[in-house]
Protein backbone atom coordinates (compact mmCIF):
# COMPACT_ATOMS: atom_id res chain seq x y z
CA MET A 1 -72.99 -18.32 -42.85
CA GLY A 2 -70.18 -15.86 -42.00
CA HIS A 3 -72.30 -13.76 -39.64
CA GLU A 4 -73.73 -16.83 -37.92
CA PHE A 5 -70.23 -18.27 -37.42
CA ARG A 6 -68.90 -15.00 -35.98
CA SER A 7 -71.88 -14.71 -33.67
CA ARG A 8 -71.43 -18.29 -32.42
CA THR A 9 -67.68 -17.71 -31.96
CA MET A 10 -68.32 -14.56 -29.93
CA THR A 11 -70.89 -16.36 -27.76
CA VAL A 12 -68.46 -19.20 -27.05
CA ALA A 13 -65.63 -16.74 -26.34
CA ARG A 14 -67.87 -14.80 -23.92
CA SER A 15 -68.90 -18.02 -22.19
CA ILE A 16 -65.28 -19.15 -21.78
CA ALA A 17 -64.29 -15.74 -20.42
CA LEU A 18 -67.14 -15.89 -17.90
CA PHE A 19 -66.08 -19.38 -16.82
CA LEU A 20 -62.55 -18.08 -16.23
CA VAL A 21 -63.78 -15.10 -14.20
CA ALA A 22 -66.08 -17.39 -12.21
CA ALA A 23 -63.15 -19.72 -11.50
CA VAL A 24 -61.00 -16.87 -10.20
CA PHE A 25 -63.79 -15.75 -7.87
CA GLU A 26 -64.77 -19.20 -6.61
CA ILE A 27 -61.32 -20.76 -6.32
CA GLY A 28 -59.82 -17.51 -5.08
CA GLY A 29 -62.63 -17.09 -2.56
CA ALA A 30 -62.27 -20.62 -1.25
CA TRP A 31 -58.47 -20.17 -1.08
CA LEU A 32 -58.86 -16.94 0.89
CA VAL A 33 -61.18 -18.65 3.39
CA TRP A 34 -58.70 -21.55 3.61
CA GLN A 35 -55.87 -19.12 4.29
CA GLY A 36 -57.90 -17.28 6.90
CA VAL A 37 -58.86 -20.43 8.77
CA ARG A 38 -56.21 -23.08 8.11
CA GLU A 39 -53.22 -20.74 7.86
CA HIS A 40 -54.49 -18.46 10.66
CA LYS A 41 -54.44 -15.29 8.56
CA GLY A 42 -57.62 -14.00 10.16
CA TRP A 43 -61.04 -12.61 9.53
CA LEU A 44 -60.03 -10.15 6.81
CA TRP A 45 -58.97 -13.03 4.57
CA ILE A 46 -62.13 -14.95 5.43
CA GLY A 47 -64.32 -11.92 4.72
CA LEU A 48 -62.66 -11.27 1.37
CA GLY A 49 -63.14 -14.92 0.52
CA ILE A 50 -66.83 -14.75 1.31
CA ILE A 51 -67.21 -11.67 -0.90
CA ALA A 52 -65.39 -13.42 -3.75
CA LEU A 53 -67.59 -16.50 -3.39
CA GLY A 54 -70.67 -14.29 -3.63
CA ALA A 55 -69.27 -12.63 -6.75
CA TYR A 56 -68.78 -16.08 -8.28
CA GLY A 57 -72.49 -16.79 -7.85
CA PHE A 58 -73.33 -13.58 -9.66
CA VAL A 59 -70.90 -14.17 -12.55
CA ALA A 60 -72.46 -17.58 -13.23
CA THR A 61 -75.78 -15.86 -13.98
CA LEU A 62 -74.17 -13.95 -16.86
CA GLN A 63 -73.60 -17.06 -18.97
CA PRO A 64 -75.40 -16.91 -22.35
CA ASP A 65 -77.03 -20.32 -21.81
CA ALA A 66 -80.20 -20.13 -19.70
CA ASN A 67 -79.96 -23.64 -18.20
CA PHE A 68 -78.73 -23.53 -14.60
CA GLY A 69 -77.93 -27.25 -14.48
CA ARG A 70 -75.90 -27.14 -17.69
CA ILE A 71 -73.91 -24.10 -16.57
CA LEU A 72 -73.07 -25.55 -13.16
CA ALA A 73 -72.29 -29.00 -14.55
CA ALA A 74 -69.91 -27.57 -17.13
CA TYR A 75 -68.38 -25.16 -14.62
CA GLY A 76 -67.47 -28.19 -12.49
CA GLY A 77 -64.91 -29.14 -15.13
CA VAL A 78 -63.51 -25.61 -15.22
CA PHE A 79 -63.30 -25.70 -11.42
CA VAL A 80 -61.29 -28.95 -11.45
CA ALA A 81 -58.71 -27.67 -13.93
CA GLY A 82 -58.64 -24.18 -12.43
CA SER A 83 -58.08 -25.52 -8.92
CA LEU A 84 -54.99 -27.40 -10.04
CA LEU A 85 -53.65 -24.33 -11.85
CA TRP A 86 -54.35 -22.13 -8.81
CA ALA A 87 -52.55 -24.58 -6.52
CA MET A 88 -49.57 -24.64 -8.87
CA ALA A 89 -49.36 -20.85 -9.02
CA LEU A 90 -49.97 -20.01 -5.37
CA ASP A 91 -49.12 -23.08 -3.32
CA GLY A 92 -46.29 -24.72 -5.27
CA PHE A 93 -48.42 -27.81 -6.00
CA ARG A 94 -47.13 -30.04 -8.79
CA PRO A 95 -49.83 -32.18 -10.38
CA ASP A 96 -48.96 -35.70 -11.41
CA ARG A 97 -49.98 -37.25 -14.71
CA TYR A 98 -53.29 -38.44 -13.25
CA ASP A 99 -54.18 -34.96 -12.03
CA THR A 100 -53.38 -33.62 -15.49
CA ALA A 101 -55.28 -36.38 -17.30
CA GLY A 102 -58.30 -35.91 -15.04
CA ALA A 103 -58.33 -32.15 -15.60
CA LEU A 104 -58.13 -32.61 -19.38
CA ILE A 105 -61.00 -35.11 -19.28
CA CYS A 106 -63.04 -32.57 -17.32
CA LEU A 107 -62.30 -29.84 -19.86
CA VAL A 108 -63.40 -32.10 -22.70
CA GLY A 109 -66.61 -32.59 -20.73
CA VAL A 110 -67.04 -28.82 -20.51
CA GLY A 111 -66.76 -28.58 -24.28
CA VAL A 112 -69.29 -31.34 -24.84
CA ILE A 113 -71.81 -30.04 -22.29
CA MET A 114 -71.62 -26.37 -23.28
CA TYR A 115 -70.60 -26.12 -26.90
CA ALA A 116 -71.87 -29.22 -28.71
CA PRO A 117 -74.32 -28.26 -31.47
CA ARG A 118 -77.94 -28.63 -30.40
């Protein structure tokens, strides 16, 4: 039982880490494109954003689960919460209680979709 538990814990930890890296690439990439276009920072920002978005697509393939639909569905919840955190850190956005509640609901969904025993 001990080895099985440690193995499961490591798999979940790896999956969570990959979701976080994917979020940085996707949200960061979209933010860079936004800055390049909407804030008129130019093609360099846009190009870096496109590269980051491509890296996000690659990182998603590293998830331990082999089901594309499950990975992308669960990642949607990570994206919601991560987008709010990104906006707080880089744009001064302050979520209200509904933003926070929605993000928490999404993260519960991530846990159910990805880590429920099957």
